[in-house]
Amino acid sequence: MDPFPPQQHDQEKARERDIASQTFGTSARMLGLGFTILSLLKGMPNPDHLDTIADDVFAVDAQTFLIACFLGYAVLRSRLLRRTHRLEFLADAGFLLGLTSKGVACVLFV
């Protein structure tokens, strides 16, 4: 049995979808930014060892945002509230991990 009335259940689901749509869109933009930075790093002449580490971190960062983007999309497609909560948690964790790794890569690059 669901402890929440149907109206509250619908409001909770709408809130989760709103957050997921923001995670999905922002992750996609951050993924594009990561690819742009990677292409600029690869085009630089004679990168030293630190730049190589930075572009590796940017590549992992792009993959992290890709996973967060997929999880955000899965939340939008999910019909079960319990699954939505789990996927939303994973999407948020992936997004925060991606932001952290992007910050580390920026510090390494600078």
PDB file of N, CA and C in Angstrom:
ATOM      1  N   MET A   1       0.830  -1.182   0.000  1.00  0.00           N
ATOM      2  CA  MET A   1       0.000   0.000   0.000  1.00  0.00           C
ATOM      3  C   MET A   1       0.870   1.239   0.000  1.00  0.00           C
ATOM      4  N   ASP A   2       0.417   2.234  -0.720  1.00  0.00           N
ATOM      5  CA  ASP A   2       1.122   3.496  -0.818  1.00  0.00           C
ATOM      6  C   ASP A   2       0.677   4.405   0.320  1.00  0.00           C
ATOM      7  N   PRO A   3       1.614   4.894   1.180  1.00  0.00           N
ATOM      8  CA  PRO A   3       1.218   5.722   2.318  1.00  0.00           C
ATOM      9  C   PRO A   3       0.792   7.132   1.917  1.00  0.00           C
ATOM     10  N   PHE A   4       1.063   7.524   0.672  1.00  0.00           N
ATOM     11  CA  PHE A   4       0.733   8.865   0.231  1.00  0.00           C
ATOM     12  C   PHE A   4      -0.548   8.859  -0.596  1.00  0.00           C
ATOM     13  N   PRO A   5      -1.365   9.904  -0.489  1.00  0.00           N
ATOM     14  CA  PRO A   5      -2.541   9.995  -1.350  1.00  0.00           C
ATOM     15  C   PRO A   5      -2.117  10.204  -2.801  1.00  0.00           C
ATOM     16  N   PRO A   6      -2.989   9.862  -3.762  1.00  0.00           N
ATOM     17  CA  PRO A   6      -2.624   9.959  -5.178  1.00  0.00           C
ATOM     18  C   PRO A   6      -2.166  11.359  -5.600  1.00  0.00           C
ATOM     19  N   GLN A   7      -2.772  12.404  -5.061  1.00  0.00           N
ATOM     20  CA  GLN A   7      -2.388  13.751  -5.461  1.00  0.00           C
ATOM     21  C   GLN A   7      -0.952  14.061  -5.030  1.00  0.00           C
ATOM     22  N   GLN A   8      -0.578  13.676  -3.825  1.00  0.00           N
ATOM     23  CA  GLN A   8       0.780  13.904  -3.353  1.00  0.00           C
ATOM     24  C   GLN A   8       1.767  13.043  -4.142  1.00  0.00           C
ATOM     25  N   HIS A   9       1.351  11.852  -4.504  1.00  0.00           N
ATOM     26  CA  HIS A   9       2.180  10.952  -5.310  1.00  0.00           C
ATOM     27  C   HIS A   9       2.478  11.594  -6.659  1.00  0.00           C
ATOM     28  N   ASP A  10       1.471  12.195  -7.286  1.00  0.00           N
ATOM     29  CA  ASP A  10       1.663  12.857  -8.572  1.00  0.00           C
ATOM     30  C   ASP A  10       2.566  14.081  -8.458  1.00  0.00           C
ATOM     31  N   GLN A  11       2.428  14.828  -7.365  1.00  0.00           N
ATOM     32  CA  GLN A  11       3.285  15.997  -7.157  1.00  0.00           C
ATOM     33  C   GLN A  11       4.739  15.575  -6.972  1.00  0.00           C
ATOM     34  N   GLU A  12       4.949  14.498  -6.231  1.00  0.00           N
ATOM     35  CA  GLU A  12       6.304  13.987  -6.020  1.00  0.00           C
ATOM     36  C   GLU A  12       6.918  13.530  -7.340  1.00  0.00           C
ATOM     37  N   LYS A  13       6.148  12.854  -8.155  1.00  0.00           N
ATOM     38  CA  LYS A  13       6.637  12.376  -9.444  1.00  0.00           C
ATOM     39  C   LYS A  13       6.959  13.546 -10.372  1.00  0.00           C
ATOM     40  N   ALA A  14       6.115  14.588 -10.360  1.00  0.00           N
ATOM     41  CA  ALA A  14       6.363  15.763 -11.188  1.00  0.00           C
ATOM     42  C   ALA A  14       7.638  16.478 -10.739  1.00  0.00           C
ATOM     43  N   ARG A  15       7.860  16.553  -9.439  1.00  0.00           N
ATOM     44  CA  ARG A  15       9.074  17.194  -8.920  1.00  0.00           C
ATOM     45  C   ARG A  15      10.315  16.413  -9.327  1.00  0.00           C
ATOM     46  N   GLU A  16      10.242  15.089  -9.233  1.00  0.00           N
ATOM     47  CA  GLU A  16      11.372  14.244  -9.630  1.00  0.00           C
ATOM     48  C   GLU A  16      11.678  14.412 -11.115  1.00  0.00           C
ATOM     49  N   ARG A  17      10.665  14.474 -11.935  1.00  0.00           N
ATOM     50  CA  ARG A  17      10.871  14.640 -13.374  1.00  0.00           C
ATOM     51  C   ARG A  17      11.459  16.012 -13.699  1.00  0.00           C
ATOM     52  N   ASP A  18      11.069  17.028 -12.946  1.00  0.00           N
ATOM     53  CA  ASP A  18      11.614  18.365 -13.161  1.00  0.00           C
ATOM     54  C   ASP A  18      13.105  18.388 -12.848  1.00  0.00           C
ATOM     55  N   ILE A  19      13.474  17.786 -11.732  1.00  0.00           N
ATOM     56  CA  ILE A  19      14.892  17.713 -11.370  1.00  0.00           C
ATOM     57  C   ILE A  19      15.654  16.886 -12.398  1.00  0.00           C
ATOM     58  N   ALA A  20      15.064  15.785 -12.840  1.00  0.00           N
ATOM     59  CA  ALA A  20      15.726  14.915 -13.822  1.00  0.00           C
ATOM     60  C   ALA A  20      15.916  15.633 -15.152  1.00  0.00           C
ATOM     61  N   SER A  21      14.951  16.440 -15.559  1.00  0.00           N
ATOM     62  CA  SER A  21      15.106  17.155 -16.827  1.00  0.00           C
ATOM     63  C   SER A  21      16.230  18.179 -16.736  1.00  0.00           C
ATOM     64  N   GLN A  22      16.398  18.789 -15.564  1.00  0.00           N
ATOM     65  CA  GLN A  22      17.510  19.725 -15.386  1.00  0.00           C
ATOM     66  C   GLN A  22      18.842  18.981 -15.369  1.00  0.00           C
ATOM     67  N   THR A  23      18.901  17.838 -14.704  1.00  0.00           N
ATOM     68  CA  THR A  23      20.123  17.033 -14.686  1.00  0.00           C
ATOM     69  C   THR A  23      20.470  16.555 -16.087  1.00  0.00           C
ATOM     70  N   PHE A  24      19.456  16.113 -16.820  1.00  0.00           N
ATOM     71  CA  PHE A  24      19.659  15.621 -18.185  1.00  0.00           C
ATOM     72  C   PHE A  24      20.217  16.721 -19.080  1.00  0.00           C
ATOM     73  N   GLY A  25      19.592  17.890 -19.064  1.00  0.00           N
ATOM     74  CA  GLY A  25      20.028  18.984 -19.932  1.00  0.00           C
ATOM     75  C   GLY A  25      21.391  19.531 -19.564  1.00  0.00           C
ATOM     76  N   THR A  26      21.635  19.708 -18.282  1.00  0.00           N
ATOM     77  CA  THR A  26      22.916  20.251 -17.851  1.00  0.00           C
ATOM     78  C   THR A  26      24.046  19.254 -18.089  1.00  0.00           C
ATOM     79  N   SER A  27      23.785  17.981 -17.883  1.00  0.00           N
ATOM     80  CA  SER A  27      24.806  16.961 -18.155  1.00  0.00           C
ATOM     81  C   SER A  27      25.167  16.941 -19.636  1.00  0.00           C
ATOM     82  N   ALA A  28      24.174  17.098 -20.490  1.00  0.00           N
ATOM     83  CA  ALA A  28      24.442  17.116 -21.929  1.00  0.00           C
ATOM     84  C   ALA A  28      25.302  18.333 -22.305  1.00  0.00           C
ATOM     85  N   ARG A  29      25.013  19.478 -21.711  1.00  0.00           N
ATOM     86  CA  ARG A  29      25.826  20.669 -21.991  1.00  0.00           C
ATOM     87  C   ARG A  29      27.252  20.504 -21.459  1.00  0.00           C
ATOM     88  N   MET A  30      27.383  19.934 -20.278  1.00  0.00           N
ATOM     89  CA  MET A  30      28.716  19.723 -19.715  1.00  0.00           C
ATOM     90  C   MET A  30      29.499  18.678 -20.518  1.00  0.00           C
ATOM     91  N   LEU A  31      28.807  17.713 -21.076  1.00  0.00           N
ATOM     92  CA  LEU A  31      29.442  16.728 -21.952  1.00  0.00           C
ATOM     93  C   LEU A  31      29.999  17.426 -23.191  1.00  0.00           C
ATOM     94  N   GLY A  32      29.216  18.311 -23.779  1.00  0.00           N
ATOM     95  CA  GLY A  32      29.682  19.074 -24.944  1.00  0.00           C
ATOM     96  C   GLY A  32      30.868  19.959 -24.605  1.00  0.00           C
ATOM     97  N   LEU A  33      30.831  20.581 -23.440  1.00  0.00           N
ATOM     98  CA  LEU A  33      31.951  21.402 -23.000  1.00  0.00           C
ATOM     99  C   LEU A  33      33.205  20.558 -22.829  1.00  0.00           C
ATOM    100  N   GLY A  34      33.039  19.372 -22.265  1.00  0.00           N
ATOM    101  CA  GLY A  34      34.189  18.472 -22.093  1.00  0.00           C
ATOM    102  C   GLY A  34      34.804  18.067 -23.422  1.00  0.00           C
ATOM    103  N   PHE A  35      33.964  17.763 -24.407  1.00  0.00           N
ATOM    104  CA  PHE A  35      34.484  17.414 -25.728  1.00  0.00           C
ATOM    105  C   PHE A  35      35.188  18.600 -26.380  1.00  0.00           C
ATOM    106  N   THR A  36      34.676  19.796 -26.180  1.00  0.00           N
ATOM    107  CA  THR A  36      35.319  20.993 -26.726  1.00  0.00           C
ATOM    108  C   THR A  36      36.689  21.200 -26.095  1.00  0.00           C
ATOM    109  N   ILE A  37      36.766  21.064 -24.787  1.00  0.00           N
ATOM    110  CA  ILE A  37      38.047  21.224 -24.097  1.00  0.00           C
ATOM    111  C   ILE A  37      39.038  20.149 -24.554  1.00  0.00           C
ATOM    112  N   LEU A  38      38.556  18.918 -24.693  1.00  0.00           N
ATOM    113  CA  LEU A  38      39.444  17.843 -25.164  1.00  0.00           C
ATOM    114  C   LEU A  38      39.985  18.129 -26.556  1.00  0.00           C
ATOM    115  N   SER A  39      39.135  18.608 -27.439  1.00  0.00           N
ATOM    116  CA  SER A  39      39.607  18.898 -28.800  1.00  0.00           C
ATOM    117  C   SER A  39      40.601  20.052 -28.800  1.00  0.00           C
ATOM    118  N   LEU A  40      40.400  21.032 -27.933  1.00  0.00           N
ATOM    119  CA  LEU A  40      41.372  22.132 -27.834  1.00  0.00           C
ATOM    120  C   LEU A  40      42.695  21.659 -27.246  1.00  0.00           C
ATOM    121  N   LEU A  41      42.625  20.784 -26.229  1.00  0.00           N
ATOM    122  CA  LEU A  41      43.855  20.266 -25.633  1.00  0.00           C
ATOM    123  C   LEU A  41      44.647  19.427 -26.630  1.00  0.00           C
ATOM    124  N   LYS A  42      43.955  18.628 -27.411  1.00  0.00           N
ATOM    125  CA  LYS A  42      44.647  17.778 -28.387  1.00  0.00           C
ATOM    126  C   LYS A  42      45.242  18.606 -29.524  1.00  0.00           C
ATOM    127  N   GLY A  43      44.687  19.791 -29.779  1.00  0.00           N
ATOM    128  CA  GLY A  43      45.190  20.635 -30.860  1.00  0.00           C
ATOM    129  C   GLY A  43      46.349  21.514 -30.457  1.00  0.00           C
ATOM    130  N   MET A  44      46.673  21.549 -29.166  1.00  0.00           N
ATOM    131  CA  MET A  44      47.783  22.391 -28.701  1.00  0.00           C
ATOM    132  C   MET A  44      49.120  21.766 -29.102  1.00  0.00           C
ATOM    133  N   PRO A  45      50.060  22.597 -29.521  1.00  0.00           N
ATOM    134  CA  PRO A  45      51.368  22.034 -29.897  1.00  0.00           C
ATOM    135  C   PRO A  45      52.184  21.643 -28.667  1.00  0.00           C
ATOM    136  N   ASN A  46      52.876  20.515 -28.766  1.00  0.00           N
ATOM    137  CA  ASN A  46      53.791  20.020 -27.741  1.00  0.00           C
ATOM    138  C   ASN A  46      53.222  20.051 -26.324  1.00  0.00           C
ATOM    139  N   PRO A  47      52.167  19.299 -26.054  1.00  0.00           N
ATOM    140  CA  PRO A  47      51.666  19.286 -24.680  1.00  0.00           C
ATOM    141  C   PRO A  47      52.653  18.577 -23.758  1.00  0.00           C
ATOM    142  N   ASP A  48      52.833  19.137 -22.568  1.00  0.00           N
ATOM    143  CA  ASP A  48      53.729  18.472 -21.619  1.00  0.00           C
ATOM    144  C   ASP A  48      52.965  17.387 -20.863  1.00  0.00           C
ATOM    145  N   HIS A  49      53.611  16.761 -19.921  1.00  0.00           N
ATOM    146  CA  HIS A  49      53.036  15.616 -19.211  1.00  0.00           C
ATOM    147  C   HIS A  49      51.778  15.994 -18.439  1.00  0.00           C
ATOM    148  N   LEU A  50      51.754  17.184 -17.861  1.00  0.00           N
ATOM    149  CA  LEU A  50      50.608  17.618 -17.071  1.00  0.00           C
ATOM    150  C   LEU A  50      49.365  17.780 -17.952  1.00  0.00           C
ATOM    151  N   ASP A  51      49.553  18.290 -19.168  1.00  0.00           N
ATOM    152  CA  ASP A  51      48.424  18.414 -20.081  1.00  0.00           C
ATOM    153  C   ASP A  51      47.872  17.039 -20.445  1.00  0.00           C
ATOM    154  N   THR A  52      48.730  16.051 -20.545  1.00  0.00           N
ATOM    155  CA  THR A  52      48.276  14.701 -20.853  1.00  0.00           C
ATOM    156  C   THR A  52      47.420  14.158 -19.711  1.00  0.00           C
ATOM    157  N   ILE A  53      47.829  14.439 -18.472  1.00  0.00           N
ATOM    158  CA  ILE A  53      47.027  14.016 -17.332  1.00  0.00           C
ATOM    159  C   ILE A  53      45.692  14.750 -17.336  1.00  0.00           C
ATOM    160  N   ALA A  54      45.726  16.052 -17.626  1.00  0.00           N
ATOM    161  CA  ALA A  54      44.501  16.849 -17.645  1.00  0.00           C
ATOM    162  C   ALA A  54      43.536  16.344 -18.707  1.00  0.00           C
ATOM    163  N   ASP A  55      44.031  16.020 -19.897  1.00  0.00           N
ATOM    164  CA  ASP A  55      43.092  15.552 -20.918  1.00  0.00           C
ATOM    165  C   ASP A  55      42.546  14.165 -20.605  1.00  0.00           C
ATOM    166  N   ASP A  56      43.307  13.353 -19.872  1.00  0.00           N
ATOM    167  CA  ASP A  56      42.769  12.071 -19.413  1.00  0.00           C
ATOM    168  C   ASP A  56      41.640  12.282 -18.408  1.00  0.00           C
ATOM    169  N   VAL A  57      41.835  13.234 -17.503  1.00  0.00           N
ATOM    170  CA  VAL A  57      40.796  13.526 -16.515  1.00  0.00           C
ATOM    171  C   VAL A  57      39.565  14.123 -17.206  1.00  0.00           C
ATOM    172  N   PHE A  58      39.783  14.987 -18.208  1.00  0.00           N
ATOM    173  CA  PHE A  58      38.656  15.533 -18.967  1.00  0.00           C
ATOM    174  C   PHE A  58      37.904  14.434 -19.721  1.00  0.00           C
ATOM    175  N   ALA A  59      38.621  13.430 -20.219  1.00  0.00           N
ATOM    176  CA  ALA A  59      37.967  12.323 -20.922  1.00  0.00           C
ATOM    177  C   ALA A  59      37.103  11.503 -19.961  1.00  0.00           C
ATOM    178  N   VAL A  60      37.623  11.216 -18.780  1.00  0.00           N
ATOM    179  CA  VAL A  60      36.836  10.493 -17.772  1.00  0.00           C
ATOM    180  C   VAL A  60      35.640  11.342 -17.344  1.00  0.00           C
ATOM    181  N   ASP A  61      35.869  12.637 -17.215  1.00  0.00           N
ATOM    182  CA  ASP A  61      34.806  13.575 -16.866  1.00  0.00           C
ATOM    183  C   ASP A  61      33.680  13.544 -17.906  1.00  0.00           C
ATOM    184  N   ALA A  62      34.044  13.528 -19.178  1.00  0.00           N
ATOM    185  CA  ALA A  62      33.032  13.476 -20.235  1.00  0.00           C
ATOM    186  C   ALA A  62      32.226  12.181 -20.154  1.00  0.00           C
ATOM    187  N   GLN A  63      32.886  11.075 -19.855  1.00  0.00           N
ATOM    188  CA  GLN A  63      32.176   9.807 -19.709  1.00  0.00           C
ATOM    189  C   GLN A  63      31.239   9.837 -18.505  1.00  0.00           C
ATOM    190  N   THR A  64      31.671  10.489 -17.434  1.00  0.00           N
ATOM    191  CA  THR A  64      30.826  10.606 -16.245  1.00  0.00           C
ATOM    192  C   THR A  64      29.573  11.407 -16.548  1.00  0.00           C
ATOM    193  N   PHE A  65      29.722  12.510 -17.280  1.00  0.00           N
ATOM    194  CA  PHE A  65      28.551  13.297 -17.650  1.00  0.00           C
ATOM    195  C   PHE A  65      27.654  12.547 -18.638  1.00  0.00           C
ATOM    196  N   LEU A  66      28.245  11.719 -19.488  1.00  0.00           N
ATOM    197  CA  LEU A  66      27.434  10.903 -20.390  1.00  0.00           C
ATOM    198  C   LEU A  66      26.573   9.926 -19.597  1.00  0.00           C
ATOM    199  N   ILE A  67      27.151   9.306 -18.586  1.00  0.00           N
ATOM    200  CA  ILE A  67      26.390   8.381 -17.740  1.00  0.00           C
ATOM    201  C   ILE A  67      25.297   9.124 -16.984  1.00  0.00           C
ATOM    202  N   ALA A  68      25.619  10.300 -16.441  1.00  0.00           N
ATOM    203  CA  ALA A  68      24.613  11.105 -15.734  1.00  0.00           C
ATOM    204  C   ALA A  68      23.492  11.523 -16.677  1.00  0.00           C
ATOM    205  N   CYS A  69      23.842  11.810 -17.914  1.00  0.00           N
ATOM    206  CA  CYS A  69      22.839  12.179 -18.914  1.00  0.00           C
ATOM    207  C   CYS A  69      21.911  10.997 -19.207  1.00  0.00           C
ATOM    208  N   PHE A  70      22.476   9.815 -19.379  1.00  0.00           N
ATOM    209  CA  PHE A  70      21.665   8.615 -19.614  1.00  0.00           C
ATOM    210  C   PHE A  70      20.758   8.315 -18.425  1.00  0.00           C
ATOM    211  N   LEU A  71      21.296   8.466 -17.212  1.00  0.00           N
ATOM    212  CA  LEU A  71      20.483   8.208 -16.026  1.00  0.00           C
ATOM    213  C   LEU A  71      19.363   9.238 -15.887  1.00  0.00           C
ATOM    214  N   GLY A  72      19.643  10.488 -16.208  1.00  0.00           N
ATOM    215  CA  GLY A  72      18.599  11.514 -16.187  1.00  0.00           C
ATOM    216  C   GLY A  72      17.493  11.198 -17.187  1.00  0.00           C
ATOM    217  N   TYR A  73      17.886  10.711 -18.350  1.00  0.00           N
ATOM    218  CA  TYR A  73      16.891  10.311 -19.352  1.00  0.00           C
ATOM    219  C   TYR A  73      16.079   9.117 -18.863  1.00  0.00           C
ATOM    220  N   ALA A  74      16.751   8.179 -18.197  1.00  0.00           N
ATOM    221  CA  ALA A  74      16.039   7.012 -17.665  1.00  0.00           C
ATOM    222  C   ALA A  74      15.011   7.422 -16.612  1.00  0.00           C
ATOM    223  N   VAL A  75      15.338   8.437 -15.822  1.00  0.00           N
ATOM    224  CA  VAL A  75      14.364   8.945 -14.844  1.00  0.00           C
ATOM    225  C   VAL A  75      13.143   9.497 -15.568  1.00  0.00           C
ATOM    226  N   LEU A  76      13.375  10.229 -16.630  1.00  0.00           N
ATOM    227  CA  LEU A  76      12.256  10.804 -17.382  1.00  0.00           C
ATOM    228  C   LEU A  76      11.371   9.725 -18.003  1.00  0.00           C
ATOM    229  N   ARG A  77      11.950   8.594 -18.349  1.00  0.00           N
ATOM    230  CA  ARG A  77      11.193   7.515 -18.982  1.00  0.00           C
ATOM    231  C   ARG A  77      10.586   6.537 -17.973  1.00  0.00           C
ATOM    232  N   SER A  78      11.057   6.578 -16.735  1.00  0.00           N
ATOM    233  CA  SER A  78      10.604   5.623 -15.729  1.00  0.00           C
ATOM    234  C   SER A  78       9.162   5.899 -15.318  1.00  0.00           C
ATOM    235  N   ARG A  79       8.418   4.839 -15.087  1.00  0.00           N
ATOM    236  CA  ARG A  79       7.029   4.971 -14.675  1.00  0.00           C
ATOM    237  C   ARG A  79       6.820   4.630 -13.193  1.00  0.00           C
ATOM    238  N   LEU A  80       7.774   3.944 -12.591  1.00  0.00           N
ATOM    239  CA  LEU A  80       7.651   3.537 -11.198  1.00  0.00           C
ATOM    240  C   LEU A  80       8.380   4.531 -10.294  1.00  0.00           C
ATOM    241  N   LEU A  81       7.717   4.983  -9.251  1.00  0.00           N
ATOM    242  CA  LEU A  81       8.281   6.000  -8.372  1.00  0.00           C
ATOM    243  C   LEU A  81       9.522   5.487  -7.640  1.00  0.00           C
ATOM    244  N   ARG A  82       9.505   4.243  -7.195  1.00  0.00           N
ATOM    245  CA  ARG A  82      10.668   3.688  -6.488  1.00  0.00           C
ATOM    246  C   ARG A  82      11.885   3.654  -7.408  1.00  0.00           C
ATOM    247  N   ARG A  83      11.707   3.211  -8.642  1.00  0.00           N
ATOM    248  CA  ARG A  83      12.809   3.185  -9.606  1.00  0.00           C
ATOM    249  C   ARG A  83      13.255   4.613  -9.931  1.00  0.00           C
ATOM    250  N   THR A  84      12.306   5.521 -10.002  1.00  0.00           N
ATOM    251  CA  THR A  84      12.625   6.915 -10.281  1.00  0.00           C
ATOM    252  C   THR A  84      13.538   7.485  -9.203  1.00  0.00           C
ATOM    253  N   HIS A  85      13.248   7.181  -7.945  1.00  0.00           N
ATOM    254  CA  HIS A  85      14.077   7.673  -6.844  1.00  0.00           C
ATOM    255  C   HIS A  85      15.503   7.131  -6.938  1.00  0.00           C
ATOM    256  N   ARG A  86      15.632   5.843  -7.226  1.00  0.00           N
ATOM    257  CA  ARG A  86      16.962   5.247  -7.332  1.00  0.00           C
ATOM    258  C   ARG A  86      17.754   5.841  -8.490  1.00  0.00           C
ATOM    259  N   LEU A  87      17.105   5.942  -9.643  1.00  0.00           N
ATOM    260  CA  LEU A  87      17.785   6.493 -10.811  1.00  0.00           C
ATOM    261  C   LEU A  87      18.147   7.962 -10.609  1.00  0.00           C
ATOM    262  N   GLU A  88      17.264   8.704  -9.955  1.00  0.00           N
ATOM    263  CA  GLU A  88      17.531  10.115  -9.689  1.00  0.00           C
ATOM    264  C   GLU A  88      18.741  10.268  -8.770  1.00  0.00           C
ATOM    265  N   PHE A  89      18.834   9.415  -7.759  1.00  0.00           N
ATOM    266  CA  PHE A  89      19.992   9.451  -6.869  1.00  0.00           C
ATOM    267  C   PHE A  89      21.283   9.173  -7.645  1.00  0.00           C
ATOM    268  N   LEU A  90      21.257   8.161  -8.520  1.00  0.00           N
ATOM    269  CA  LEU A  90      22.445   7.827  -9.303  1.00  0.00           C
ATOM    270  C   LEU A  90      22.804   8.938 -10.283  1.00  0.00           C
ATOM    271  N   ALA A  91      21.791   9.545 -10.905  1.00  0.00           N
ATOM    272  CA  ALA A  91      22.045  10.649 -11.833  1.00  0.00           C
ATOM    273  C   ALA A  91      22.659  11.838 -11.105  1.00  0.00           C
ATOM    274  N   ASP A  92      22.143  12.155  -9.927  1.00  0.00           N
ATOM    275  CA  ASP A  92      22.701  13.258  -9.139  1.00  0.00           C
ATOM    276  C   ASP A  92      24.137  12.957  -8.712  1.00  0.00           C
ATOM    277  N   ALA A  93      24.376  11.732  -8.279  1.00  0.00           N
ATOM    278  CA  ALA A  93      25.727  11.352  -7.865  1.00  0.00           C
ATOM    279  C   ALA A  93      26.702  11.432  -9.041  1.00  0.00           C
ATOM    280  N   GLY A  94      26.269  10.954 -10.203  1.00  0.00           N
ATOM    281  CA  GLY A  94      27.120  11.043 -11.391  1.00  0.00           C
ATOM    282  C   GLY A  94      27.393  12.480 -11.802  1.00  0.00           C
ATOM    283  N   PHE A  95      26.374  13.324 -11.701  1.00  0.00           N
ATOM    284  CA  PHE A  95      26.535  14.730 -12.053  1.00  0.00           C
ATOM    285  C   PHE A  95      27.528  15.410 -11.102  1.00  0.00           C
ATOM    286  N   LEU A  96      27.389  15.167  -9.808  1.00  0.00           N
ATOM    287  CA  LEU A  96      28.305  15.774  -8.841  1.00  0.00           C
ATOM    288  C   LEU A  96      29.730  15.235  -8.994  1.00  0.00           C
ATOM    289  N   LEU A  97      29.851  13.961  -9.310  1.00  0.00           N
ATOM    290  CA  LEU A  97      31.168  13.383  -9.563  1.00  0.00           C
ATOM    291  C   LEU A  97      31.796  14.022 -10.799  1.00  0.00           C
ATOM    292  N   GLY A  98      30.980  14.245 -11.832  1.00  0.00           N
ATOM    293  CA  GLY A  98      31.469  14.900 -13.035  1.00  0.00           C
ATOM    294  C   GLY A  98      31.922  16.328 -12.773  1.00  0.00           C
ATOM    295  N   LEU A  99      31.154  17.062 -11.968  1.00  0.00           N
ATOM    296  CA  LEU A  99      31.560  18.428 -11.622  1.00  0.00           C
ATOM    297  C   LEU A  99      32.878  18.433 -10.851  1.00  0.00           C
ATOM    298  N   THR A 100      33.012  17.491  -9.937  1.00  0.00           N
ATOM    299  CA  THR A 100      34.242  17.410  -9.156  1.00  0.00           C
ATOM    300  C   THR A 100      35.437  17.091 -10.040  1.00  0.00           C
ATOM    301  N   SER A 101      35.278  16.122 -10.933  1.00  0.00           N
ATOM    302  CA  SER A 101      36.397  15.758 -11.804  1.00  0.00           C
ATOM    303  C   SER A 101      36.724  16.871 -12.791  1.00  0.00           C
ATOM    304  N   LYS A 102      35.720  17.642 -13.221  1.00  0.00           N
ATOM    305  CA  LYS A 102      35.993  18.773 -14.099  1.00  0.00           C
ATOM    306  C   LYS A 102      36.795  19.840 -13.350  1.00  0.00           C
ATOM    307  N   GLY A 103      36.475  20.049 -12.082  1.00  0.00           N
ATOM    308  CA  GLY A 103      37.249  20.992 -11.284  1.00  0.00           C
ATOM    309  C   GLY A 103      38.694  20.543 -11.104  1.00  0.00           C
ATOM    310  N   VAL A 104      38.886  19.252 -10.848  1.00  0.00           N
ATOM    311  CA  VAL A 104      40.243  18.710 -10.703  1.00  0.00           C
ATOM    312  C   VAL A 104      41.010  18.862 -12.014  1.00  0.00           C
ATOM    313  N   ALA A 105      40.367  18.568 -13.128  1.00  0.00           N
ATOM    314  CA  ALA A 105      41.036  18.691 -14.431  1.00  0.00           C
ATOM    315  C   ALA A 105      41.408  20.138 -14.724  1.00  0.00           C
ATOM    316  N   CYS A 106      40.551  21.075 -14.348  1.00  0.00           N
ATOM    317  CA  CYS A 106      40.860  22.496 -14.554  1.00  0.00           C
ATOM    318  C   CYS A 106      42.063  22.910 -13.718  1.00  0.00           C
ATOM    319  N   VAL A 107      42.127  22.436 -12.492  1.00  0.00           N
ATOM    320  CA  VAL A 107      43.291  22.755 -11.641  1.00  0.00           C
ATOM    321  C   VAL A 107      44.561  22.167 -12.248  1.00  0.00           C
ATOM    322  N   LEU A 108      44.500  20.946 -12.739  1.00  0.00           N
ATOM    323  CA  LEU A 108      45.659  20.331 -13.357  1.00  0.00           C
ATOM    324  C   LEU A 108      46.088  21.079 -14.608  1.00  0.00           C
ATOM    325  N   PHE A 109      45.122  21.548 -15.373  1.00  0.00           N
ATOM    326  CA  PHE A 109      45.430  22.226 -16.623  1.00  0.00           C
ATOM    327  C   PHE A 109      46.070  23.585 -16.368  1.00  0.00           C
ATOM    328  N   VAL A 110      45.546  24.303 -15.381  1.00  0.00           N
ATOM    329  CA  VAL A 110      46.077  25.638 -15.080  1.00  0.00           C
ATOM    330  C   VAL A 110      47.419  25.488 -14.394  1.00  0.00           C
TER     331      VAL A 110
END
